[in-house]
N, C-alpha and C. Protein backbone atom coordinates (compact mmCIF):
# COMPACT_ATOMS: atom_id res chain seq x y z
N UNK A 1 -36.72 75.41 -111.38
CA UNK A 1 -36.03 74.60 -112.18
C UNK A 1 -36.60 74.86 -113.49
N UNK A 2 -38.22 74.92 -113.96
CA UNK A 2 -38.52 75.20 -114.82
C UNK A 2 -38.30 76.55 -115.56
N UNK A 3 -37.73 77.58 -114.71
CA UNK A 3 -36.98 78.82 -115.06
C UNK A 3 -35.58 78.46 -115.97
N UNK A 4 -34.88 77.50 -115.34
CA UNK A 4 -33.73 77.10 -115.70
C UNK A 4 -33.79 76.58 -117.09
N UNK A 5 -34.81 75.59 -116.99
CA UNK A 5 -35.17 74.79 -118.44
C UNK A 5 -35.46 75.77 -119.65
N UNK A 6 -36.13 77.07 -119.34
CA UNK A 6 -36.46 77.80 -120.37
C UNK A 6 -35.63 78.61 -120.90
N UNK A 7 -34.65 79.07 -119.64
CA UNK A 7 -33.38 79.79 -120.35
C UNK A 7 -32.34 78.84 -121.02
N UNK A 8 -32.28 77.63 -120.93
CA UNK A 8 -31.53 76.90 -121.74
C UNK A 8 -31.98 76.74 -122.90
N UNK A 9 -33.46 76.49 -123.24
CA UNK A 9 -34.07 76.53 -124.26
C UNK A 9 -33.92 77.72 -125.03
N UNK A 10 -33.67 78.80 -124.25
CA UNK A 10 -34.02 80.21 -125.06
C UNK A 10 -32.27 80.39 -125.67
N UNK A 11 -31.46 79.79 -124.83
CA UNK A 11 -29.91 79.72 -125.38
C UNK A 11 -29.72 78.77 -126.54
N UNK A 12 -30.60 77.58 -126.50
CA UNK A 12 -30.49 76.57 -127.56
C UNK A 12 -31.19 77.12 -128.90
N UNK A 13 -32.14 77.87 -128.86
CA UNK A 13 -32.71 78.78 -129.58
C UNK A 13 -31.86 79.81 -130.37
N UNK A 14 -30.56 80.33 -129.70
CA UNK A 14 -29.73 81.18 -130.35
C UNK A 14 -28.50 80.62 -131.12
N UNK A 15 -28.56 79.13 -131.27
CA UNK A 15 -27.59 78.58 -131.86
C UNK A 15 -28.11 78.09 -133.35
N UNK A 16 -27.44 78.26 -134.44
CA UNK A 16 -28.06 77.74 -135.82
C UNK A 16 -26.89 76.87 -136.46
N UNK A 17 -27.64 76.05 -137.00
CA UNK A 17 -26.89 75.04 -137.95
C UNK A 17 -26.51 76.05 -139.00
N UNK A 18 -25.00 75.92 -139.46
CA UNK A 18 -24.61 76.96 -140.47
C UNK A 18 -25.13 76.94 -141.81
N UNK A 19 -25.80 75.36 -142.00
CA UNK A 19 -26.10 75.22 -143.56
C UNK A 19 -27.50 75.48 -143.72
N UNK A 20 -28.19 75.62 -142.51
CA UNK A 20 -29.61 75.82 -142.63
C UNK A 20 -30.20 77.28 -141.82
N UNK A 21 -30.89 78.18 -142.11
CA UNK A 21 -31.10 79.16 -141.45
C UNK A 21 -32.10 79.31 -140.16
N UNK A 22 -31.90 78.05 -139.61
CA UNK A 22 -33.10 77.84 -138.37
C UNK A 22 -32.20 77.37 -137.31
N UNK A 23 -32.66 77.81 -136.10
CA UNK A 23 -31.72 76.99 -134.82
C UNK A 23 -32.08 75.61 -134.64
N UNK A 24 -31.37 75.24 -133.92
CA UNK A 24 -31.05 73.70 -133.58
C UNK A 24 -32.40 73.36 -133.03
N UNK A 25 -32.98 73.97 -132.15
CA UNK A 25 -34.09 73.65 -131.16
C UNK A 25 -35.22 73.37 -132.13
N UNK A 26 -35.40 74.44 -132.86
CA UNK A 26 -36.69 74.47 -133.82
C UNK A 26 -36.69 73.57 -135.08
N UNK A 27 -35.28 72.84 -135.30
CA UNK A 27 -34.99 72.04 -136.39
C UNK A 27 -35.37 70.49 -135.80
N UNK A 28 -35.31 70.47 -134.37
CA UNK A 28 -35.63 69.30 -133.85
C UNK A 28 -34.33 68.56 -133.45
N UNK A 29 -33.29 69.08 -133.44
CA UNK A 29 -31.97 68.62 -133.29
C UNK A 29 -31.77 68.07 -131.73
N UNK A 30 -32.56 69.05 -130.85
CA UNK A 30 -32.44 68.55 -129.45
C UNK A 30 -33.64 67.50 -128.91
N UNK A 31 -32.87 66.36 -128.63
CA UNK A 31 -34.07 65.50 -128.08
C UNK A 31 -34.54 65.50 -126.69
N UNK A 32 -33.66 65.71 -125.87
CA UNK A 32 -33.85 65.82 -124.34
C UNK A 32 -32.94 66.98 -123.38
N UNK A 33 -33.43 67.40 -122.72
CA UNK A 33 -32.51 68.27 -121.85
C UNK A 33 -32.98 67.49 -120.22
N UNK A 34 -32.02 67.21 -119.53
CA UNK A 34 -32.10 66.95 -118.23
C UNK A 34 -31.45 67.64 -117.37
N UNK A 35 -31.88 67.86 -116.35
CA UNK A 35 -31.37 68.76 -115.40
C UNK A 35 -31.48 68.16 -113.89
N UNK A 36 -30.29 67.85 -113.30
CA UNK A 36 -30.35 67.18 -111.94
C UNK A 36 -30.51 68.23 -110.92
N UNK A 37 -30.58 67.82 -109.60
CA UNK A 37 -31.16 68.90 -108.58
C UNK A 37 -29.98 69.66 -108.18
N UNK A 38 -28.67 69.20 -108.59
CA UNK A 38 -27.47 69.83 -108.52
C UNK A 38 -27.23 70.98 -109.64
N UNK A 39 -28.17 70.96 -110.58
CA UNK A 39 -28.28 71.73 -111.92
C UNK A 39 -27.02 71.44 -112.81
N UNK A 40 -26.61 70.13 -113.01
CA UNK A 40 -25.81 69.55 -114.10
C UNK A 40 -26.90 69.28 -114.95
N UNK A 41 -26.54 69.87 -116.07
CA UNK A 41 -27.30 69.69 -117.50
C UNK A 41 -26.85 68.61 -118.37
N UNK A 42 -27.62 67.78 -118.89
CA UNK A 42 -27.17 66.73 -119.84
C UNK A 42 -28.26 67.03 -121.16
N UNK A 43 -27.56 67.00 -122.24
CA UNK A 43 -28.55 67.41 -123.44
C UNK A 43 -28.30 66.06 -124.29
N UNK A 44 -29.12 65.49 -124.69
CA UNK A 44 -28.91 64.57 -125.98
C UNK A 44 -29.71 65.34 -127.26
N UNK A 45 -28.64 65.08 -128.12
CA UNK A 45 -28.65 66.00 -129.51
C UNK A 45 -28.40 65.24 -130.78
N UNK A 46 -28.91 65.36 -131.97
CA UNK A 46 -28.45 64.81 -133.09
C UNK A 46 -27.91 65.89 -133.94
N UNK A 47 -27.51 65.34 -135.11
CA UNK A 47 -27.07 66.42 -136.36
C UNK A 47 -28.04 65.86 -137.42
N UNK A 48 -28.12 66.78 -138.45
CA UNK A 48 -28.95 66.49 -139.58
C UNK A 48 -28.37 65.37 -140.62
N UNK A 49 -27.23 65.05 -140.29
CA UNK A 49 -26.45 63.95 -140.70
C UNK A 49 -25.18 63.45 -140.07
N UNK A 50 -25.03 62.20 -139.94
CA UNK A 50 -23.58 61.94 -139.53
C UNK A 50 -22.42 62.37 -139.87
N UNK A 51 -22.54 62.71 -141.34
CA UNK A 51 -21.27 63.56 -141.93
C UNK A 51 -21.37 65.13 -141.80
N UNK A 52 -22.25 65.39 -140.79
CA UNK A 52 -22.41 66.97 -140.95
C UNK A 52 -21.00 67.67 -140.60
N UNK A 53 -20.72 68.77 -141.24
CA UNK A 53 -19.72 69.29 -141.37
C UNK A 53 -19.17 69.90 -139.77
N UNK A 54 -20.39 70.14 -138.96
CA UNK A 54 -20.28 70.81 -137.67
C UNK A 54 -20.19 69.70 -136.66
N UNK A 55 -19.98 68.50 -137.05
CA UNK A 55 -20.14 67.25 -136.11
C UNK A 55 -19.34 67.53 -134.99
N UNK A 56 -18.14 68.24 -135.05
CA UNK A 56 -17.25 68.46 -133.81
C UNK A 56 -17.61 69.81 -133.10
N UNK A 57 -17.93 70.74 -133.85
CA UNK A 57 -17.91 72.03 -133.23
C UNK A 57 -19.41 72.61 -132.82
N UNK A 58 -20.40 71.98 -133.19
CA UNK A 58 -21.60 72.29 -132.74
C UNK A 58 -21.96 71.77 -131.41
N UNK A 59 -21.71 70.59 -131.27
CA UNK A 59 -21.84 70.10 -129.79
C UNK A 59 -21.32 70.84 -128.76
N UNK A 60 -19.85 71.04 -129.16
CA UNK A 60 -19.13 72.06 -128.21
C UNK A 60 -19.77 73.28 -127.90
N UNK A 61 -19.94 73.86 -129.24
CA UNK A 61 -20.76 74.98 -128.90
C UNK A 61 -22.19 74.94 -128.06
N UNK A 62 -23.12 74.31 -128.09
CA UNK A 62 -23.86 73.91 -127.20
C UNK A 62 -23.57 73.77 -125.91
N UNK A 63 -22.65 72.84 -125.51
CA UNK A 63 -22.08 72.60 -124.34
C UNK A 63 -21.59 73.77 -123.52
N UNK A 64 -20.76 74.68 -124.24
CA UNK A 64 -20.27 75.83 -123.82
C UNK A 64 -21.37 76.92 -123.50
N UNK A 65 -21.89 77.24 -124.46
CA UNK A 65 -23.09 78.30 -124.30
C UNK A 65 -24.00 77.79 -123.15
N UNK A 66 -24.58 76.46 -122.78
CA UNK A 66 -25.40 76.09 -121.62
C UNK A 66 -24.62 76.08 -120.39
N UNK A 67 -23.45 75.89 -120.62
CA UNK A 67 -22.62 75.95 -119.37
C UNK A 67 -22.45 77.47 -118.72
N UNK A 68 -22.31 78.29 -119.74
CA UNK A 68 -22.02 79.57 -119.35
C UNK A 68 -23.43 80.31 -118.36
N UNK A 69 -24.85 79.57 -118.34
CA UNK A 69 -25.70 80.25 -117.98
C UNK A 69 -25.73 79.87 -116.59
N UNK A 70 -26.07 81.48 -116.06
CA UNK A 70 -25.89 81.24 -114.55
C UNK A 70 -26.76 80.45 -113.67
N UNK A 71 -26.13 79.63 -112.95
CA UNK A 71 -26.89 78.73 -112.13
C UNK A 71 -26.42 77.03 -112.45
N UNK A 72 -26.25 77.08 -113.77
CA UNK A 72 -25.81 75.77 -114.64
C UNK A 72 -24.34 75.30 -113.80
N UNK A 73 -24.37 74.15 -113.10
CA UNK A 73 -22.96 73.58 -112.58
C UNK A 73 -22.06 72.98 -113.70
N UNK A 74 -22.78 72.33 -114.55
CA UNK A 74 -21.93 71.85 -115.58
C UNK A 74 -22.99 71.29 -116.61
N UNK A 75 -22.30 71.30 -117.96
CA UNK A 75 -22.89 70.89 -119.22
C UNK A 75 -22.26 69.81 -120.07
N UNK A 76 -23.16 68.80 -120.31
CA UNK A 76 -22.64 67.63 -121.25
C UNK A 76 -23.60 67.21 -122.21
N UNK A 77 -23.09 67.55 -123.52
CA UNK A 77 -24.03 67.05 -124.66
C UNK A 77 -23.55 65.41 -125.42
N UNK A 78 -24.63 64.87 -125.45
CA UNK A 78 -24.49 63.60 -125.86
C UNK A 78 -24.96 63.54 -127.35
N UNK A 79 -24.39 63.02 -128.35
CA UNK A 79 -24.87 63.25 -129.63
C UNK A 79 -25.31 61.53 -129.96
N UNK A 80 -26.64 61.73 -130.30
CA UNK A 80 -27.29 60.51 -130.64
C UNK A 80 -27.76 60.32 -132.12
N UNK A 81 -27.95 59.26 -132.84
CA UNK A 81 -28.39 58.89 -134.16
C UNK A 81 -29.63 58.03 -133.92
N UNK A 82 -30.25 57.78 -132.96
CA UNK A 82 -31.31 56.96 -132.81
C UNK A 82 -32.55 58.04 -132.00
N UNK A 83 -33.48 58.28 -132.28
CA UNK A 83 -33.79 57.95 -133.67
C UNK A 83 -33.14 58.90 -134.79
N UNK A 84 -33.14 58.72 -136.11
CA UNK A 84 -32.65 59.38 -137.22
C UNK A 84 -33.23 60.72 -137.37
N UNK A 85 -32.54 61.59 -137.64
CA UNK A 85 -33.19 63.18 -137.85
C UNK A 85 -34.14 63.17 -139.11
N UNK A 86 -35.26 63.82 -139.13
CA UNK A 86 -35.84 63.79 -140.48
C UNK A 86 -36.53 65.28 -140.36
N UNK A 87 -36.94 65.62 -141.41
CA UNK A 87 -37.83 67.10 -141.56
C UNK A 87 -38.74 66.99 -140.70
N UNK A 88 -39.76 66.05 -140.30
CA UNK A 88 -40.71 65.58 -139.56
C UNK A 88 -40.43 66.24 -138.14
N UNK A 89 -39.41 66.41 -137.69
CA UNK A 89 -38.92 66.66 -136.45
C UNK A 89 -38.93 68.17 -136.13
N UNK A 90 -39.14 68.83 -137.43
CA UNK A 90 -38.85 70.34 -137.32
C UNK A 90 -40.22 70.84 -136.63
N UNK A 91 -40.10 72.19 -135.85
CA UNK A 91 -41.40 72.92 -135.53
C UNK A 91 -42.12 73.36 -136.71
N UNK A 92 -43.17 73.74 -136.66
CA UNK A 92 -43.88 74.22 -137.61
C UNK A 92 -43.38 75.57 -138.08
N UNK A 93 -42.90 76.41 -137.21
CA UNK A 93 -42.20 77.66 -137.36
C UNK A 93 -40.78 77.23 -138.46
N UNK A 94 -40.25 76.34 -138.34
CA UNK A 94 -38.96 75.95 -138.88
C UNK A 94 -39.69 75.48 -140.29
N UNK A 95 -40.52 74.59 -140.22
CA UNK A 95 -40.89 74.22 -141.64
C UNK A 95 -41.48 75.34 -142.73
N UNK A 96 -42.21 76.21 -141.85
CA UNK A 96 -42.66 77.55 -142.37
C UNK A 96 -41.37 78.39 -143.19
N UNK A 97 -40.50 78.56 -142.38
CA UNK A 97 -39.39 79.34 -143.03
C UNK A 97 -38.49 78.65 -143.83
N UNK A 98 -38.40 77.17 -143.98
CA UNK A 98 -37.84 76.61 -144.96
C UNK A 98 -38.79 76.31 -146.08
N UNK A 99 -39.94 76.70 -146.05
CA UNK A 99 -40.80 76.41 -147.10
C UNK A 99 -41.34 75.11 -147.46
N UNK A 100 -41.35 74.19 -146.32
CA UNK A 100 -41.94 73.14 -146.39
C UNK A 100 -43.58 72.97 -146.17
N UNK A 101 -43.98 74.41 -145.69
CA UNK A 101 -45.54 74.30 -145.15
C UNK A 101 -46.13 75.43 -146.58
């Protein structure tokens, strides 16, 4: 199960916010990845703002790409805004890349 979670994280790191040159995982947009024993995956994620221009396309892209992983039975993304995203949720790598460090 840990291998599957690592593979999912690798896929999430391949998806970028089109307005920010950093992947959604390092940006801190992924709040939780849940995998049940049947390998159904549920992902709680947020957006940089509720009015994000990719509010409809990005969650679908995440759902589709995770759903294509060998071994994943199903994939579902839930968009949450609590807690609201802020730059403190970014990884050190993302902060460095964007000049916040």
